[in-house]
Amino acid sequence: MKKIYEYFCKTETAVCGVGFILLVILVFGSAILRFFRMSMAWNIDLAMLLLAWSSFLGADIAWRNGQLIGIDIVTRYFPKSVQKLVMIAVYAIILTVTVIICIYGIRLSWTERLRTFQSLPIPYSLVNLSLVFATFSMSISTVGKIKSCIQHFAEK
């Protein structure tokens, strides 16, 4: 199971990187073509789709690797056991929020399934599914963080 999760994480990182590179190429290419008075209407819609997927997948990758900003001005002066209890409580809140966002994201994707982009014949719910996928993945990462925190609770 651990190998599958590692493969999933590597695949997610690769997809996020490729999506970001394509996003930059599309936006830069669109700007250059606009300079020459050539318009590509589908460029903006595809860039919006890639932005949603790249940003949400990037947020999940940053969360999993512990690279999000954390503020511990108050808790750093607490004893280690209290710090870990607060950390578990915060992780539980984050897990609850990600599950709620995932559930409502699925509902939103279902209601938006017939709506399409203005210039592309693909459903708009693909943008919403990026949120669902990322929050589901964040939930898995959060469960792992809670499990690790509980396992190492007695350590200093």
Protein backbone atom coordinates (compact mmCIF):
# COMPACT_ATOMS: atom_id res chain seq x y z
CA MET A 1 0.00 0.00 0.00
CA LYS A 2 2.88 2.33 0.80
CA LYS A 3 4.39 1.77 -2.67
CA ILE A 4 1.07 2.62 -4.30
CA TYR A 5 0.85 5.84 -2.27
CA GLU A 6 4.44 6.79 -3.20
CA TYR A 7 3.68 6.15 -6.86
CA PHE A 8 0.52 8.22 -6.55
CA CYS A 9 2.47 11.09 -4.98
CA LYS A 10 5.11 11.02 -7.72
CA THR A 11 2.45 10.91 -10.41
CA GLU A 12 0.61 13.80 -8.81
CA THR A 13 3.82 15.85 -8.68
CA ALA A 14 4.57 15.11 -12.34
CA VAL A 15 1.03 16.02 -13.44
CA CYS A 16 1.20 19.26 -11.46
CA GLY A 17 4.56 20.18 -12.99
CA VAL A 18 3.47 19.40 -16.55
CA GLY A 19 0.23 21.31 -16.02
CA PHE A 20 2.09 24.35 -14.75
CA ILE A 21 4.55 24.29 -17.67
CA LEU A 22 1.67 23.99 -20.15
CA LEU A 23 -0.12 26.83 -18.37
CA VAL A 24 2.90 29.12 -18.74
CA ILE A 25 3.32 28.16 -22.40
CA LEU A 26 -0.36 28.79 -23.15
CA VAL A 27 -0.47 32.18 -21.45
CA PHE A 28 2.84 33.31 -22.95
CA GLY A 29 1.84 32.05 -26.39
CA SER A 30 -1.51 33.79 -26.12
CA ALA A 31 0.21 37.07 -25.26
CA ILE A 32 2.56 36.76 -28.22
CA LEU A 33 -0.27 35.86 -30.61
CA ARG A 34 -2.32 38.78 -29.30
CA PHE A 35 0.63 41.07 -30.15
CA PHE A 36 0.33 39.87 -33.75
CA ARG A 37 -3.48 40.38 -33.58
CA MET A 38 -4.22 36.66 -33.69
CA SER A 39 -6.78 35.35 -31.25
CA MET A 40 -7.08 31.87 -29.83
CA ALA A 41 -10.25 31.85 -27.76
CA TRP A 42 -9.77 28.32 -26.45
CA ASN A 43 -6.44 29.35 -24.90
CA ILE A 44 -8.05 31.15 -21.97
CA ASP A 45 -10.40 28.28 -21.14
CA LEU A 46 -7.64 25.70 -21.26
CA ALA A 47 -5.40 27.96 -19.15
CA MET A 48 -8.18 28.26 -16.56
CA LEU A 49 -8.52 24.48 -16.43
CA LEU A 50 -4.76 24.01 -16.05
CA LEU A 51 -4.56 26.73 -13.41
CA ALA A 52 -7.21 25.04 -11.28
CA TRP A 53 -5.57 21.62 -11.49
CA SER A 54 -2.02 22.92 -11.00
CA SER A 55 -2.88 25.13 -8.04
CA PHE A 56 -4.95 22.54 -6.17
CA LEU A 57 -2.49 19.72 -6.83
CA GLY A 58 0.35 22.05 -5.80
CA ALA A 59 -1.46 22.84 -2.56
CA ASP A 60 -1.79 19.12 -1.84
CA ILE A 61 1.89 18.52 -2.59
CA ALA A 62 2.90 21.41 -0.32
CA TRP A 63 0.60 20.12 2.45
CA ARG A 64 1.97 16.59 2.20
CA ASN A 65 5.60 17.80 2.32
CA GLY A 66 5.01 20.24 5.19
CA GLN A 67 5.84 23.30 3.09
CA LEU A 68 2.83 25.42 3.96
CA ILE A 69 3.20 28.36 6.28
CA GLY A 70 2.64 27.50 9.91
CA ILE A 71 2.26 29.92 12.79
CA ASP A 72 3.43 28.57 16.11
CA ILE A 73 4.04 31.77 18.06
CA VAL A 74 1.82 30.64 20.93
CA THR A 75 2.27 26.87 20.83
CA ARG A 76 6.08 26.82 20.70
CA TYR A 77 6.18 27.68 24.42
CA PHE A 78 3.86 24.80 25.37
CA PRO A 79 5.20 21.43 26.55
CA LYS A 80 5.76 18.92 23.75
CA SER A 81 2.77 16.79 24.74
CA VAL A 82 0.45 19.82 24.61
CA GLN A 83 1.95 20.85 21.27
CA LYS A 84 1.17 17.42 19.86
CA LEU A 85 -2.38 17.51 21.22
CA VAL A 86 -2.93 20.90 19.60
CA MET A 87 -1.42 19.56 16.37
CA ILE A 88 -3.77 16.56 16.39
CA ALA A 89 -6.73 18.88 17.02
CA VAL A 90 -5.70 21.14 14.13
CA TYR A 91 -5.24 18.11 11.85
CA ALA A 92 -8.69 16.87 12.86
CA ILE A 93 -10.19 20.25 11.92
CA ILE A 94 -8.32 20.21 8.60
CA LEU A 95 -9.51 16.66 7.92
CA THR A 96 -13.11 17.67 8.63
CA VAL A 97 -12.89 20.69 6.34
CA THR A 98 -11.29 18.74 3.49
CA VAL A 99 -13.93 16.01 3.70
CA ILE A 100 -16.71 18.62 3.66
CA ILE A 101 -15.15 20.41 0.69
CA CYS A 102 -14.75 17.09 -1.11
CA ILE A 103 -18.39 16.15 -0.56
CA TYR A 104 -19.73 19.52 -1.67
CA GLY A 105 -17.26 19.56 -4.58
CA ILE A 106 -18.71 16.28 -5.81
CA ARG A 107 -22.20 17.76 -5.59
CA LEU A 108 -21.07 20.88 -7.47
CA SER A 109 -19.37 18.79 -10.14
CA TRP A 110 -22.56 16.83 -10.62
CA THR A 111 -24.69 19.95 -11.01
CA GLU A 112 -22.18 21.52 -13.43
CA ARG A 113 -21.78 18.39 -15.57
CA LEU A 114 -23.84 19.76 -18.47
CA ARG A 115 -22.22 23.20 -18.53
CA THR A 116 -19.33 23.47 -20.99
CA PHE A 117 -16.56 25.97 -21.51
CA GLN A 118 -17.32 28.86 -23.87
CA SER A 119 -14.86 27.74 -26.53
CA LEU A 120 -14.14 24.10 -25.69
CA PRO A 121 -16.59 21.19 -25.84
CA ILE A 122 -15.50 19.80 -22.47
CA PRO A 123 -17.59 19.94 -19.29
CA TYR A 124 -16.92 22.69 -16.80
CA SER A 125 -17.11 20.12 -14.02
CA LEU A 126 -13.48 19.18 -14.84
CA VAL A 127 -12.47 22.38 -13.04
CA ASN A 128 -14.58 21.40 -10.04
CA LEU A 129 -13.12 17.89 -10.04
CA SER A 130 -9.67 19.38 -9.44
CA LEU A 131 -10.93 20.59 -6.06
CA VAL A 132 -12.51 17.22 -5.30
CA PHE A 133 -9.36 15.31 -6.24
CA ALA A 134 -7.04 17.63 -4.29
CA THR A 135 -9.15 17.67 -1.13
CA PHE A 136 -9.52 13.90 -1.23
CA SER A 137 -5.74 13.60 -1.53
CA MET A 138 -5.28 16.16 1.26
CA SER A 139 -7.59 14.08 3.43
CA ILE A 140 -5.40 11.03 2.89
CA SER A 141 -2.30 13.08 3.68
CA THR A 142 -3.94 14.48 6.82
CA VAL A 143 -4.87 11.01 8.05
CA GLY A 144 -1.22 10.06 7.58
CA LYS A 145 -0.11 13.11 9.57
CA ILE A 146 -2.54 12.28 12.38
CA LYS A 147 -1.35 8.67 12.43
CA SER A 148 2.29 9.76 12.56
CA CYS A 149 1.59 12.25 15.32
CA ILE A 150 -0.19 9.61 17.41
CA GLN A 151 2.58 7.06 16.83
CA HIS A 152 5.26 9.52 17.96
CA PHE A 153 3.22 11.02 20.79
CA ALA A 154 5.45 9.66 23.58
CA GLU A 155 8.69 10.87 21.96
CA LYS A 156 10.21 14.17 22.99
